[in-house]
């Protein structure tokens, strides 16, 4: 009989403990911003959807990156929040793949290749944000400052001149690496 009371006590205790823990909640961060680099500035737009539990948030991000070669970054986002009275400061880290919107470019007089193809590269971003908490819990206006890196890969095929076809081909593989400052404003649901 004593074993039953002990088991019942443990079961009720575990149930109370589980209910006392905060539950994971859905979180969505939607941001627009400017990418600032050495040669030019460009527009960016991102949405990150996932879960927030205690002071951590993890989500899947998808965006538009208009710098130099337009692309769609798809990435995993991790954020750590620190509460300052009503508002929050957070650190963010993103990492994933960057898919170019252009698949190839047309040969011109400036290009010395016969065909080319753009391929996915990597995408990384780290930053610091501030969330101005609104009246409803979980809703906030966001400001972020970060450093962003993207890579686009290109393969260029060149047909060498010859008298007797088929002519030999060479393939050049190019990596375009872009490091930019990122300033974003947005809304958190």
C-alpha atoms as a PDB file:
ATOM      1  CA  UNK A   1       0.000   0.000   0.000  1.00  0.00           C
ATOM      2  CA  UNK A   2       2.881   2.370   0.803  1.00  0.00           C
ATOM      3  CA  UNK A   3       4.355   1.792  -2.678  1.00  0.00           C
ATOM      4  CA  UNK A   4       1.096   2.951  -4.270  1.00  0.00           C
ATOM      5  CA  UNK A   5       1.120   6.190  -2.233  1.00  0.00           C
ATOM      6  CA  UNK A   6       4.756   6.831  -3.107  1.00  0.00           C
ATOM      7  CA  UNK A   7       4.078   6.212  -6.814  1.00  0.00           C
ATOM      8  CA  UNK A   8       0.980   8.433  -6.695  1.00  0.00           C
ATOM      9  CA  UNK A   9       2.978  11.172  -4.915  1.00  0.00           C
ATOM     10  CA  UNK A  10       5.779  10.945  -7.532  1.00  0.00           C
ATOM     11  CA  UNK A  11       3.274  10.974 -10.401  1.00  0.00           C
ATOM     12  CA  UNK A  12       1.468  14.073  -9.059  1.00  0.00           C
ATOM     13  CA  UNK A  13       4.809  15.781  -8.366  1.00  0.00           C
ATOM     14  CA  UNK A  14       6.076  15.142 -11.901  1.00  0.00           C
ATOM     15  CA  UNK A  15       2.763  16.395 -13.365  1.00  0.00           C
ATOM     16  CA  UNK A  16       3.010  19.614 -11.337  1.00  0.00           C
ATOM     17  CA  UNK A  17       6.629  20.118 -12.365  1.00  0.00           C
ATOM     18  CA  UNK A  18       5.840  19.628 -16.051  1.00  0.00           C
ATOM     19  CA  UNK A  19       2.968  22.126 -15.868  1.00  0.00           C
ATOM     20  CA  UNK A  20       5.178  24.705 -14.121  1.00  0.00           C
ATOM     21  CA  UNK A  21       7.646  24.777 -17.038  1.00  0.00           C
ATOM     22  CA  UNK A  22       6.964  27.359 -19.747  1.00  0.00           C
ATOM     23  CA  UNK A  23       5.782  25.748 -22.958  1.00  0.00           C
ATOM     24  CA  UNK A  24       7.382  26.369 -26.338  1.00  0.00           C
ATOM     25  CA  UNK A  25       5.416  28.952 -28.338  1.00  0.00           C
ATOM     26  CA  UNK A  26       5.346  29.804 -32.040  1.00  0.00           C
ATOM     27  CA  UNK A  27       7.394  32.864 -33.006  1.00  0.00           C
ATOM     28  CA  UNK A  28       7.656  34.704 -36.313  1.00  0.00           C
ATOM     29  CA  UNK A  29      10.165  37.470 -37.083  1.00  0.00           C
ATOM     30  CA  UNK A  30       9.517  39.419 -40.309  1.00  0.00           C
ATOM     31  CA  UNK A  31      12.187  41.924 -41.309  1.00  0.00           C
ATOM     32  CA  UNK A  32      13.216  44.276 -44.116  1.00  0.00           C
ATOM     33  CA  UNK A  33      16.591  45.923 -44.320  1.00  0.00           C
ATOM     34  CA  UNK A  34      19.566  47.355 -46.133  1.00  0.00           C
ATOM     35  CA  UNK A  35      22.800  45.541 -46.949  1.00  0.00           C
ATOM     36  CA  UNK A  36      25.721  47.976 -46.927  1.00  0.00           C
ATOM     37  CA  UNK A  37      29.044  47.003 -48.504  1.00  0.00           C
ATOM     38  CA  UNK A  38      32.090  48.593 -50.092  1.00  0.00           C
ATOM     39  CA  UNK A  39      30.714  48.969 -53.625  1.00  0.00           C
ATOM     40  CA  UNK A  40      26.938  49.261 -53.292  1.00  0.00           C
ATOM     41  CA  UNK A  41      23.908  49.002 -51.025  1.00  0.00           C
ATOM     42  CA  UNK A  42      20.984  46.634 -51.579  1.00  0.00           C
ATOM     43  CA  UNK A  43      17.564  45.649 -50.234  1.00  0.00           C
ATOM     44  CA  UNK A  44      16.905  42.521 -48.164  1.00  0.00           C
ATOM     45  CA  UNK A  45      13.757  40.909 -46.773  1.00  0.00           C
ATOM     46  CA  UNK A  46      13.519  37.926 -44.401  1.00  0.00           C
ATOM     47  CA  UNK A  47      11.019  35.871 -42.451  1.00  0.00           C
ATOM     48  CA  UNK A  48      12.013  33.448 -39.675  1.00  0.00           C
ATOM     49  CA  UNK A  49       9.387  31.103 -38.233  1.00  0.00           C
ATOM     50  CA  UNK A  50       9.942  28.659 -35.398  1.00  0.00           C
ATOM     51  CA  UNK A  51       9.557  28.174 -31.681  1.00  0.00           C
ATOM     52  CA  UNK A  52      10.621  30.126 -28.629  1.00  0.00           C
ATOM     53  CA  UNK A  53      11.207  28.410 -25.323  1.00  0.00           C
ATOM     54  CA  UNK A  54      12.350  30.353 -22.260  1.00  0.00           C
ATOM     55  CA  UNK A  55      15.061  32.702 -23.598  1.00  0.00           C
ATOM     56  CA  UNK A  56      15.934  30.686 -26.722  1.00  0.00           C
ATOM     57  CA  UNK A  57      14.387  30.732 -30.180  1.00  0.00           C
ATOM     58  CA  UNK A  58      15.076  28.464 -33.128  1.00  0.00           C
ATOM     59  CA  UNK A  59      13.495  28.704 -36.555  1.00  0.00           C
ATOM     60  CA  UNK A  60      13.734  28.255 -40.298  1.00  0.00           C
ATOM     61  CA  UNK A  61      14.458  31.421 -42.257  1.00  0.00           C
ATOM     62  CA  UNK A  62      13.780  32.340 -45.862  1.00  0.00           C
ATOM     63  CA  UNK A  63      14.579  35.636 -47.506  1.00  0.00           C
ATOM     64  CA  UNK A  64      15.497  37.762 -50.485  1.00  0.00           C
ATOM     65  CA  UNK A  65      19.033  39.154 -50.822  1.00  0.00           C
ATOM     66  CA  UNK A  66      19.418  41.806 -53.528  1.00  0.00           C
ATOM     67  CA  UNK A  67      23.166  42.384 -53.215  1.00  0.00           C
ATOM     68  CA  UNK A  68      25.124  41.967 -56.492  1.00  0.00           C
ATOM     69  CA  UNK A  69      23.565  38.630 -57.548  1.00  0.00           C
ATOM     70  CA  UNK A  70      19.951  38.394 -56.379  1.00  0.00           C
ATOM     71  CA  UNK A  71      19.419  35.286 -54.284  1.00  0.00           C
ATOM     72  CA  UNK A  72      17.145  33.457 -51.856  1.00  0.00           C
ATOM     73  CA  UNK A  73      18.846  32.452 -48.582  1.00  0.00           C
ATOM     74  CA  UNK A  74      17.321  29.471 -46.736  1.00  0.00           C
ATOM     75  CA  UNK A  75      18.789  28.974 -43.275  1.00  0.00           C
ATOM     76  CA  UNK A  76      18.490  27.844 -39.680  1.00  0.00           C
ATOM     77  CA  UNK A  77      18.266  30.711 -37.190  1.00  0.00           C
ATOM     78  CA  UNK A  78      19.178  30.578 -33.487  1.00  0.00           C
ATOM     79  CA  UNK A  79      18.538  33.480 -31.094  1.00  0.00           C
ATOM     80  CA  UNK A  80      19.222  34.050 -27.389  1.00  0.00           C
ATOM     81  CA  UNK A  81      17.118  36.692 -25.619  1.00  0.00           C
ATOM     82  CA  UNK A  82      18.068  38.792 -22.564  1.00  0.00           C
ATOM     83  CA  UNK A  83      15.293  40.698 -20.809  1.00  0.00           C
ATOM     84  CA  UNK A  84      15.735  44.381 -19.905  1.00  0.00           C
ATOM     85  CA  UNK A  85      12.638  45.249 -17.844  1.00  0.00           C
ATOM     86  CA  UNK A  86       9.895  45.314 -20.524  1.00  0.00           C
ATOM     87  CA  UNK A  87      12.065  45.031 -23.668  1.00  0.00           C
ATOM     88  CA  UNK A  88      14.572  42.438 -24.885  1.00  0.00           C
ATOM     89  CA  UNK A  89      18.102  42.405 -26.327  1.00  0.00           C
ATOM     90  CA  UNK A  90      18.997  39.348 -28.387  1.00  0.00           C
ATOM     91  CA  UNK A  91      21.947  37.761 -30.148  1.00  0.00           C
ATOM     92  CA  UNK A  92      21.277  36.008 -33.431  1.00  0.00           C
ATOM     93  CA  UNK A  93      23.178  33.461 -35.551  1.00  0.00           C
ATOM     94  CA  UNK A  94      21.990  32.272 -38.979  1.00  0.00           C
ATOM     95  CA  UNK A  95      23.510  29.669 -41.282  1.00  0.00           C
ATOM     96  CA  UNK A  96      22.394  27.893 -44.423  1.00  0.00           C
ATOM     97  CA  UNK A  97      22.373  27.915 -48.215  1.00  0.00           C
ATOM     98  CA  UNK A  98      22.061  30.747 -50.688  1.00  0.00           C
ATOM     99  CA  UNK A  99      20.211  30.008 -53.956  1.00  0.00           C
ATOM    100  CA  UNK A 100      20.854  32.395 -56.891  1.00  0.00           C
ATOM    101  CA  UNK A 101      17.797  33.646 -58.788  1.00  0.00           C
ATOM    102  CA  UNK A 102      19.716  33.794 -62.063  1.00  0.00           C
ATOM    103  CA  UNK A 103      20.683  30.372 -63.402  1.00  0.00           C
ATOM    104  CA  UNK A 104      23.010  31.764 -66.094  1.00  0.00           C
ATOM    105  CA  UNK A 105      23.922  34.970 -67.888  1.00  0.00           C
ATOM    106  CA  UNK A 106      23.938  35.547 -71.616  1.00  0.00           C
ATOM    107  CA  UNK A 107      27.375  35.675 -73.250  1.00  0.00           C
ATOM    108  CA  UNK A 108      28.387  39.132 -74.448  1.00  0.00           C
ATOM    109  CA  UNK A 109      31.414  40.830 -75.935  1.00  0.00           C
ATOM    110  CA  UNK A 110      32.749  41.394 -72.407  1.00  0.00           C
ATOM    111  CA  UNK A 111      32.505  37.706 -71.483  1.00  0.00           C
ATOM    112  CA  UNK A 112      35.059  35.242 -72.797  1.00  0.00           C
ATOM    113  CA  UNK A 113      33.001  32.141 -72.129  1.00  0.00           C
ATOM    114  CA  UNK A 114      30.445  30.193 -74.147  1.00  0.00           C
ATOM    115  CA  UNK A 115      28.125  29.226 -71.303  1.00  0.00           C
ATOM    116  CA  UNK A 116      27.909  29.596 -67.565  1.00  0.00           C
ATOM    117  CA  UNK A 117      25.797  28.409 -64.641  1.00  0.00           C
ATOM    118  CA  UNK A 118      25.289  29.911 -61.179  1.00  0.00           C
ATOM    119  CA  UNK A 119      25.107  27.421 -58.303  1.00  0.00           C
ATOM    120  CA  UNK A 120      24.046  27.630 -54.637  1.00  0.00           C
ATOM    121  CA  UNK A 121      26.575  28.756 -52.069  1.00  0.00           C
ATOM    122  CA  UNK A 122      26.650  29.382 -48.335  1.00  0.00           C
ATOM    123  CA  UNK A 123      24.930  32.038 -46.237  1.00  0.00           C
ATOM    124  CA  UNK A 124      25.868  33.148 -42.699  1.00  0.00           C
ATOM    125  CA  UNK A 125      24.821  36.053 -40.517  1.00  0.00           C
ATOM    126  CA  UNK A 126      25.461  37.129 -36.953  1.00  0.00           C
ATOM    127  CA  UNK A 127      23.917  40.072 -35.217  1.00  0.00           C
ATOM    128  CA  UNK A 128      22.522  41.910 -32.259  1.00  0.00           C
ATOM    129  CA  UNK A 129      18.887  42.965 -31.960  1.00  0.00           C
ATOM    130  CA  UNK A 130      16.555  44.968 -29.772  1.00  0.00           C
ATOM    131  CA  UNK A 131      12.858  44.069 -29.343  1.00  0.00           C
ATOM    132  CA  UNK A 132      10.478  46.849 -28.236  1.00  0.00           C
ATOM    133  CA  UNK A 133       7.745  44.860 -26.478  1.00  0.00           C
ATOM    134  CA  UNK A 134       4.196  45.849 -27.475  1.00  0.00           C
ATOM    135  CA  UNK A 135       1.104  45.566 -25.263  1.00  0.00           C
ATOM    136  CA  UNK A 136       0.353  41.960 -26.304  1.00  0.00           C
ATOM    137  CA  UNK A 137       2.817  39.318 -25.020  1.00  0.00           C
ATOM    138  CA  UNK A 138       5.197  38.047 -27.697  1.00  0.00           C
ATOM    139  CA  UNK A 139       4.536  40.952 -30.088  1.00  0.00           C
ATOM    140  CA  UNK A 140       7.390  43.400 -30.645  1.00  0.00           C
ATOM    141  CA  UNK A 141       8.975  45.902 -33.006  1.00  0.00           C
ATOM    142  CA  UNK A 142      12.491  44.718 -33.938  1.00  0.00           C
ATOM    143  CA  UNK A 143      15.756  46.480 -34.811  1.00  0.00           C
ATOM    144  CA  UNK A 144      18.807  44.430 -35.806  1.00  0.00           C
ATOM    145  CA  UNK A 145      22.394  45.213 -36.723  1.00  0.00           C
ATOM    146  CA  UNK A 146      24.484  42.374 -38.108  1.00  0.00           C
ATOM    147  CA  UNK A 147      27.244  41.164 -40.362  1.00  0.00           C
ATOM    148  CA  UNK A 148      26.257  39.012 -43.323  1.00  0.00           C
ATOM    149  CA  UNK A 149      28.226  36.720 -45.647  1.00  0.00           C
ATOM    150  CA  UNK A 150      27.018  35.067 -48.845  1.00  0.00           C
ATOM    151  CA  UNK A 151      28.729  33.017 -51.516  1.00  0.00           C
ATOM    152  CA  UNK A 152      27.590  32.462 -55.091  1.00  0.00           C
ATOM    153  CA  UNK A 153      29.379  29.890 -57.245  1.00  0.00           C
ATOM    154  CA  UNK A 154      29.689  30.074 -61.017  1.00  0.00           C
ATOM    155  CA  UNK A 155      30.938  27.580 -63.591  1.00  0.00           C
ATOM    156  CA  UNK A 156      32.071  29.001 -66.943  1.00  0.00           C
ATOM    157  CA  UNK A 157      32.607  26.714 -69.947  1.00  0.00           C
ATOM    158  CA  UNK A 158      34.935  27.936 -72.683  1.00  0.00           C
ATOM    159  CA  UNK A 159      35.326  26.218 -76.045  1.00  0.00           C
ATOM    160  CA  UNK A 160      38.867  26.581 -77.328  1.00  0.00           C
ATOM    161  CA  UNK A 161      39.393  27.351 -81.023  1.00  0.00           C
ATOM    162  CA  UNK A 162      40.448  24.429 -83.177  1.00  0.00           C
ATOM    163  CA  UNK A 163      40.518  23.349 -86.830  1.00  0.00           C
ATOM    164  CA  UNK A 164      39.096  19.856 -86.435  1.00  0.00           C
ATOM    165  CA  UNK A 165      35.935  19.605 -84.236  1.00  0.00           C
ATOM    166  CA  UNK A 166      35.009  18.627 -81.604  1.00  0.00           C
ATOM    167  CA  UNK A 167      37.003  21.390 -79.977  1.00  0.00           C
ATOM    168  CA  UNK A 168      38.360  20.999 -76.421  1.00  0.00           C
ATOM    169  CA  UNK A 169      36.590  22.756 -73.554  1.00  0.00           C
ATOM    170  CA  UNK A 170      37.818  24.232 -70.313  1.00  0.00           C
ATOM    171  CA  UNK A 171      35.721  24.839 -67.228  1.00  0.00           C
ATOM    172  CA  UNK A 172      36.468  27.631 -64.757  1.00  0.00           C
ATOM    173  CA  UNK A 173      34.901  27.516 -61.302  1.00  0.00           C
ATOM    174  CA  UNK A 174      34.487  30.916 -59.649  1.00  0.00           C
ATOM    175  CA  UNK A 175      33.423  31.764 -56.096  1.00  0.00           C
ATOM    176  CA  UNK A 176      31.947  35.183 -55.376  1.00  0.00           C
ATOM    177  CA  UNK A 177      32.182  36.014 -51.654  1.00  0.00           C
ATOM    178  CA  UNK A 178      30.261  39.004 -50.283  1.00  0.00           C
ATOM    179  CA  UNK A 179      30.679  40.447 -46.779  1.00  0.00           C
ATOM    180  CA  UNK A 180      28.128  43.103 -45.849  1.00  0.00           C
ATOM    181  CA  UNK A 181      26.709  45.034 -42.902  1.00  0.00           C
ATOM    182  CA  UNK A 182      23.000  44.427 -42.402  1.00  0.00           C
ATOM    183  CA  UNK A 183      20.523  46.876 -40.826  1.00  0.00           C
ATOM    184  CA  UNK A 184      16.971  45.534 -40.386  1.00  0.00           C
ATOM    185  CA  UNK A 185      13.617  46.653 -39.015  1.00  0.00           C
ATOM    186  CA  UNK A 186      10.722  44.329 -38.451  1.00  0.00           C
ATOM    187  CA  UNK A 187       7.837  42.915 -36.492  1.00  0.00           C
ATOM    188  CA  UNK A 188       7.676  39.876 -34.223  1.00  0.00           C
ATOM    189  CA  UNK A 189       4.534  37.801 -33.764  1.00  0.00           C
END
